[in-house]
């Protein structure tokens, strides 16, 4: 493999990484929305849902010619990171769309 071939492949990987990050940003937005609807950490961790997602992506990997084990490991890492993010969302009060409240000064 020549230097130019390696460079070309790396350029394609870089372009693909950009698309993946855009999809991750989209997924993060949905995770944050879902996190605001959940009431406790157990609902966020949702082990049955995690296994459901992992089984679905393993099947998709097989259908698309990817290595199911690699896809599973990637998804488990990603899901773990999003669970951590969602847990912080769970414990953060929602932002008031009307903006911050200005404290009223005490009467003198």
N, C-alpha and C. Protein backbone atom coordinates (compact mmCIF):
# COMPACT_ATOMS: atom_id res chain seq x y z
N UNK A 1 0.84 -1.17 0.00
CA UNK A 1 0.00 0.00 0.00
C UNK A 1 0.90 1.24 0.00
N UNK A 2 0.58 2.16 -0.87
CA UNK A 2 1.39 3.36 -0.98
C UNK A 2 0.91 4.43 0.01
N UNK A 3 1.75 5.43 0.17
CA UNK A 3 1.42 6.55 1.05
C UNK A 3 0.13 7.22 0.58
N UNK A 4 -0.02 7.39 -0.73
CA UNK A 4 -1.22 8.04 -1.28
C UNK A 4 -2.47 7.21 -0.99
N UNK A 5 -2.35 5.88 -1.07
CA UNK A 5 -3.50 5.02 -0.78
C UNK A 5 -3.92 5.14 0.69
N UNK A 6 -2.92 5.12 1.56
CA UNK A 6 -3.20 5.26 3.00
C UNK A 6 -3.85 6.61 3.27
N UNK A 7 -3.30 7.67 2.67
CA UNK A 7 -3.84 9.01 2.85
C UNK A 7 -5.29 9.07 2.37
N UNK A 8 -5.56 8.47 1.24
CA UNK A 8 -6.93 8.46 0.70
C UNK A 8 -7.90 7.73 1.63
N UNK A 9 -7.47 6.60 2.16
CA UNK A 9 -8.31 5.85 3.09
C UNK A 9 -8.54 6.65 4.37
N UNK A 10 -7.49 7.28 4.86
CA UNK A 10 -7.63 8.09 6.08
C UNK A 10 -8.57 9.27 5.86
N UNK A 11 -8.52 9.85 4.69
CA UNK A 11 -9.43 10.95 4.36
C UNK A 11 -10.88 10.46 4.37
N UNK A 12 -11.11 9.29 3.80
CA UNK A 12 -12.46 8.71 3.83
C UNK A 12 -12.91 8.42 5.25
N UNK A 13 -12.01 7.91 6.07
CA UNK A 13 -12.34 7.64 7.48
C UNK A 13 -12.68 8.94 8.20
N UNK A 14 -11.90 9.99 7.94
CA UNK A 14 -12.17 11.29 8.57
C UNK A 14 -13.55 11.81 8.18
N UNK A 15 -13.92 11.66 6.92
CA UNK A 15 -15.24 12.09 6.46
C UNK A 15 -16.34 11.26 7.11
N UNK A 16 -16.12 9.97 7.21
CA UNK A 16 -17.08 9.09 7.86
C UNK A 16 -17.20 9.44 9.35
N UNK A 17 -16.09 9.73 10.02
CA UNK A 17 -16.13 10.13 11.42
C UNK A 17 -16.98 11.38 11.62
N UNK A 18 -16.89 12.31 10.71
CA UNK A 18 -17.70 13.54 10.81
C UNK A 18 -19.19 13.20 10.75
N UNK A 19 -19.56 12.30 9.85
CA UNK A 19 -20.96 11.88 9.74
C UNK A 19 -21.41 11.14 11.00
N UNK A 20 -20.52 10.30 11.54
CA UNK A 20 -20.84 9.57 12.77
C UNK A 20 -21.06 10.55 13.92
N UNK A 21 -20.20 11.55 14.04
CA UNK A 21 -20.34 12.53 15.12
C UNK A 21 -21.64 13.31 14.96
N UNK A 22 -22.03 13.63 13.74
CA UNK A 22 -23.31 14.32 13.52
C UNK A 22 -24.47 13.44 14.00
N UNK A 23 -24.40 12.14 13.73
CA UNK A 23 -25.44 11.22 14.20
C UNK A 23 -25.41 11.09 15.72
N UNK A 24 -24.23 11.09 16.31
CA UNK A 24 -24.12 11.04 17.76
C UNK A 24 -24.73 12.29 18.40
N UNK A 25 -24.53 13.43 17.78
CA UNK A 25 -25.13 14.67 18.29
C UNK A 25 -26.66 14.58 18.23
N UNK A 26 -27.17 14.01 17.16
CA UNK A 26 -28.61 13.82 17.02
C UNK A 26 -29.12 12.84 18.10
N UNK A 27 -28.38 11.77 18.31
CA UNK A 27 -28.75 10.79 19.34
C UNK A 27 -28.70 11.43 20.72
N UNK A 28 -27.67 12.25 20.98
CA UNK A 28 -27.56 12.92 22.27
C UNK A 28 -28.78 13.79 22.54
N UNK A 29 -29.23 14.50 21.54
CA UNK A 29 -30.41 15.35 21.70
C UNK A 29 -31.61 14.50 22.13
N UNK A 30 -31.80 13.37 21.49
CA UNK A 30 -32.91 12.48 21.85
C UNK A 30 -32.73 11.91 23.25
N UNK A 31 -31.51 11.54 23.61
CA UNK A 31 -31.23 11.01 24.95
C UNK A 31 -31.54 12.07 26.01
N UNK A 32 -31.15 13.30 25.76
CA UNK A 32 -31.44 14.37 26.72
C UNK A 32 -32.95 14.56 26.88
N UNK A 33 -33.67 14.51 25.76
CA UNK A 33 -35.13 14.65 25.83
C UNK A 33 -35.74 13.50 26.63
N UNK A 34 -35.28 12.29 26.36
CA UNK A 34 -35.80 11.13 27.10
C UNK A 34 -35.44 11.23 28.57
N UNK A 35 -34.23 11.67 28.87
CA UNK A 35 -33.78 11.79 30.26
C UNK A 35 -34.65 12.73 31.08
N UNK A 36 -35.15 13.78 30.45
CA UNK A 36 -36.01 14.72 31.16
C UNK A 36 -37.36 14.11 31.51
N UNK A 37 -37.73 13.04 30.84
CA UNK A 37 -39.02 12.39 31.09
C UNK A 37 -38.93 11.29 32.13
N UNK A 38 -37.72 10.89 32.47
CA UNK A 38 -37.53 9.78 33.42
C UNK A 38 -37.42 10.33 34.83
N UNK A 39 -37.89 9.51 35.78
CA UNK A 39 -37.98 10.00 37.16
C UNK A 39 -36.91 9.44 38.09
N UNK A 40 -36.21 8.38 37.66
CA UNK A 40 -35.19 7.82 38.56
C UNK A 40 -34.09 7.13 37.76
N UNK A 41 -33.02 6.80 38.47
CA UNK A 41 -31.83 6.21 37.84
C UNK A 41 -32.13 4.85 37.23
N UNK A 42 -33.03 4.08 37.84
CA UNK A 42 -33.36 2.76 37.29
C UNK A 42 -33.98 2.90 35.90
N UNK A 43 -34.81 3.91 35.72
CA UNK A 43 -35.42 4.15 34.41
C UNK A 43 -34.37 4.56 33.39
N UNK A 44 -33.35 5.25 33.84
CA UNK A 44 -32.27 5.66 32.93
C UNK A 44 -31.43 4.44 32.55
N UNK A 45 -31.06 3.65 33.51
CA UNK A 45 -30.19 2.49 33.23
C UNK A 45 -30.88 1.43 32.39
N UNK A 46 -32.15 1.19 32.63
CA UNK A 46 -33.02 0.31 31.84
C UNK A 46 -32.29 -0.86 31.18
N UNK A 47 -31.79 -1.81 31.97
CA UNK A 47 -31.00 -2.91 31.40
C UNK A 47 -31.72 -3.72 30.33
N UNK A 48 -33.03 -3.87 30.45
CA UNK A 48 -33.77 -4.61 29.41
C UNK A 48 -33.72 -3.85 28.08
N UNK A 49 -33.84 -2.54 28.14
CA UNK A 49 -33.77 -1.72 26.92
C UNK A 49 -32.37 -1.81 26.32
N UNK A 50 -31.34 -1.77 27.17
CA UNK A 50 -29.96 -1.88 26.67
C UNK A 50 -29.80 -3.19 25.90
N UNK A 51 -30.25 -4.29 26.49
CA UNK A 51 -30.11 -5.59 25.81
C UNK A 51 -30.91 -5.63 24.52
N UNK A 52 -32.06 -5.01 24.52
CA UNK A 52 -32.89 -4.95 23.31
C UNK A 52 -32.13 -4.22 22.19
N UNK A 53 -31.53 -3.09 22.54
CA UNK A 53 -30.77 -2.31 21.55
C UNK A 53 -29.57 -3.12 21.06
N UNK A 54 -28.85 -3.76 21.98
CA UNK A 54 -27.66 -4.53 21.60
C UNK A 54 -28.05 -5.67 20.65
N UNK A 55 -29.11 -6.38 20.94
CA UNK A 55 -29.53 -7.47 20.05
C UNK A 55 -29.92 -6.94 18.67
N UNK A 56 -30.60 -5.79 18.65
CA UNK A 56 -31.00 -5.20 17.37
C UNK A 56 -29.80 -4.78 16.53
N UNK A 57 -28.81 -4.14 17.17
CA UNK A 57 -27.65 -3.69 16.41
C UNK A 57 -26.75 -4.85 15.99
N UNK A 58 -26.71 -5.90 16.77
CA UNK A 58 -25.96 -7.10 16.35
C UNK A 58 -26.59 -7.68 15.09
N UNK A 59 -27.91 -7.76 15.06
CA UNK A 59 -28.60 -8.28 13.87
C UNK A 59 -28.36 -7.36 12.68
N UNK A 60 -28.42 -6.06 12.91
CA UNK A 60 -28.17 -5.09 11.84
C UNK A 60 -26.74 -5.23 11.33
N UNK A 61 -25.80 -5.41 12.25
CA UNK A 61 -24.40 -5.59 11.85
C UNK A 61 -24.27 -6.80 10.93
N UNK A 62 -24.89 -7.90 11.30
CA UNK A 62 -24.83 -9.10 10.46
C UNK A 62 -25.42 -8.83 9.08
N UNK A 63 -26.55 -8.14 9.06
CA UNK A 63 -27.21 -7.82 7.78
C UNK A 63 -26.34 -6.95 6.88
N UNK A 64 -25.56 -6.07 7.50
CA UNK A 64 -24.78 -5.09 6.73
C UNK A 64 -23.32 -5.50 6.52
N UNK A 65 -22.95 -6.68 7.02
CA UNK A 65 -21.59 -7.16 6.80
C UNK A 65 -20.56 -6.64 7.78
N UNK A 66 -21.03 -6.10 8.92
CA UNK A 66 -20.12 -5.65 9.97
C UNK A 66 -19.92 -6.79 10.96
N UNK A 67 -18.91 -6.69 11.77
CA UNK A 67 -18.62 -7.70 12.78
C UNK A 67 -19.50 -7.45 14.00
N UNK A 68 -20.47 -8.35 14.29
CA UNK A 68 -21.40 -8.12 15.41
C UNK A 68 -20.72 -7.84 16.74
N UNK A 69 -19.61 -8.53 17.05
CA UNK A 69 -18.92 -8.30 18.32
C UNK A 69 -18.36 -6.88 18.42
N UNK A 70 -17.82 -6.39 17.32
CA UNK A 70 -17.27 -5.02 17.32
C UNK A 70 -18.41 -4.02 17.49
N UNK A 71 -19.50 -4.24 16.78
CA UNK A 71 -20.65 -3.34 16.89
C UNK A 71 -21.21 -3.37 18.31
N UNK A 72 -21.31 -4.56 18.89
CA UNK A 72 -21.82 -4.65 20.26
C UNK A 72 -20.92 -3.90 21.23
N UNK A 73 -19.62 -4.10 21.14
CA UNK A 73 -18.70 -3.42 22.05
C UNK A 73 -18.78 -1.90 21.88
N UNK A 74 -18.90 -1.46 20.64
CA UNK A 74 -19.02 -0.03 20.36
C UNK A 74 -20.30 0.53 20.97
N UNK A 75 -21.40 -0.19 20.77
CA UNK A 75 -22.68 0.26 21.29
C UNK A 75 -22.72 0.24 22.81
N UNK A 76 -22.15 -0.78 23.41
CA UNK A 76 -22.15 -0.82 24.89
C UNK A 76 -21.37 0.37 25.46
N UNK A 77 -20.26 0.71 24.83
CA UNK A 77 -19.49 1.88 25.28
C UNK A 77 -20.30 3.16 25.08
N UNK A 78 -20.93 3.28 23.93
CA UNK A 78 -21.73 4.47 23.63
C UNK A 78 -22.92 4.57 24.58
N UNK A 79 -23.62 3.47 24.77
CA UNK A 79 -24.78 3.48 25.67
C UNK A 79 -24.34 3.84 27.08
N UNK A 80 -23.22 3.31 27.54
CA UNK A 80 -22.70 3.66 28.87
C UNK A 80 -22.46 5.15 29.00
N UNK A 81 -21.87 5.74 27.99
CA UNK A 81 -21.60 7.19 28.01
C UNK A 81 -22.91 7.98 28.02
N UNK A 82 -23.88 7.54 27.23
CA UNK A 82 -25.16 8.24 27.21
C UNK A 82 -25.95 8.05 28.50
N UNK A 83 -25.82 6.89 29.14
CA UNK A 83 -26.46 6.69 30.44
C UNK A 83 -25.87 7.67 31.45
N UNK A 84 -24.55 7.81 31.46
CA UNK A 84 -23.91 8.78 32.35
C UNK A 84 -24.43 10.19 32.09
N UNK A 85 -24.55 10.56 30.82
CA UNK A 85 -25.07 11.88 30.46
C UNK A 85 -26.51 12.02 30.92
N UNK A 86 -27.31 11.00 30.67
CA UNK A 86 -28.72 11.03 31.03
C UNK A 86 -28.90 11.14 32.55
N UNK A 87 -28.04 10.48 33.30
CA UNK A 87 -28.11 10.59 34.76
C UNK A 87 -27.87 12.02 35.22
N UNK A 88 -26.97 12.74 34.56
CA UNK A 88 -26.77 14.15 34.93
C UNK A 88 -27.98 14.98 34.53
N UNK A 89 -28.62 14.64 33.42
CA UNK A 89 -29.83 15.34 32.99
C UNK A 89 -30.95 15.10 33.99
N UNK A 90 -31.03 13.88 34.49
CA UNK A 90 -32.07 13.50 35.45
C UNK A 90 -32.00 14.36 36.70
N UNK A 91 -30.80 14.69 37.13
CA UNK A 91 -30.62 15.42 38.38
C UNK A 91 -30.47 16.93 38.18
N UNK A 92 -30.70 17.40 36.97
CA UNK A 92 -30.58 18.82 36.68
C UNK A 92 -31.97 19.38 36.43
N UNK A 93 -32.37 20.42 37.15
CA UNK A 93 -33.70 20.97 36.91
C UNK A 93 -33.81 21.51 35.49
N UNK A 94 -34.98 21.40 34.87
CA UNK A 94 -35.14 21.91 33.51
C UNK A 94 -34.92 23.42 33.47
N UNK A 95 -34.47 23.90 32.34
CA UNK A 95 -34.24 25.33 32.15
C UNK A 95 -35.59 26.00 31.89
N UNK A 96 -35.84 27.08 32.62
CA UNK A 96 -37.07 27.84 32.44
C UNK A 96 -36.96 28.63 31.14
N UNK A 97 -37.87 28.39 30.16
CA UNK A 97 -37.76 29.08 28.87
C UNK A 97 -37.96 30.58 28.98
N UNK A 98 -38.55 31.06 30.08
CA UNK A 98 -38.76 32.51 30.23
C UNK A 98 -37.50 33.22 30.71
N UNK A 99 -36.47 32.44 31.03
CA UNK A 99 -35.21 33.04 31.43
C UNK A 99 -35.04 33.07 32.93
N UNK A 100 -33.87 33.52 33.38
CA UNK A 100 -33.59 33.54 34.81
C UNK A 100 -34.45 34.57 35.52
N UNK A 101 -34.76 34.28 36.74
CA UNK A 101 -35.55 35.20 37.57
C UNK A 101 -34.60 36.17 38.26
N UNK A 102 -34.99 37.44 38.25
CA UNK A 102 -34.21 38.47 38.94
C UNK A 102 -34.73 38.56 40.36
N UNK A 103 -33.84 38.42 41.34
CA UNK A 103 -34.33 38.51 42.72
C UNK A 103 -34.87 39.89 43.03
N UNK A 104 -35.93 39.92 43.81
CA UNK A 104 -36.52 41.19 44.22
C UNK A 104 -35.73 41.70 45.43
N UNK A 105 -35.25 42.95 45.36
CA UNK A 105 -34.48 43.47 46.50
C UNK A 105 -35.41 43.65 47.72
N UNK A 106 -34.86 43.43 48.92
CA UNK A 106 -35.69 43.60 50.12
C UNK A 106 -36.10 45.06 50.30
N UNK A 107 -37.26 45.26 50.88
CA UNK A 107 -37.73 46.64 51.13
C UNK A 107 -36.91 47.24 52.27
N UNK A 108 -36.50 48.49 52.08
CA UNK A 108 -35.70 49.15 53.12
C UNK A 108 -36.57 50.02 53.95
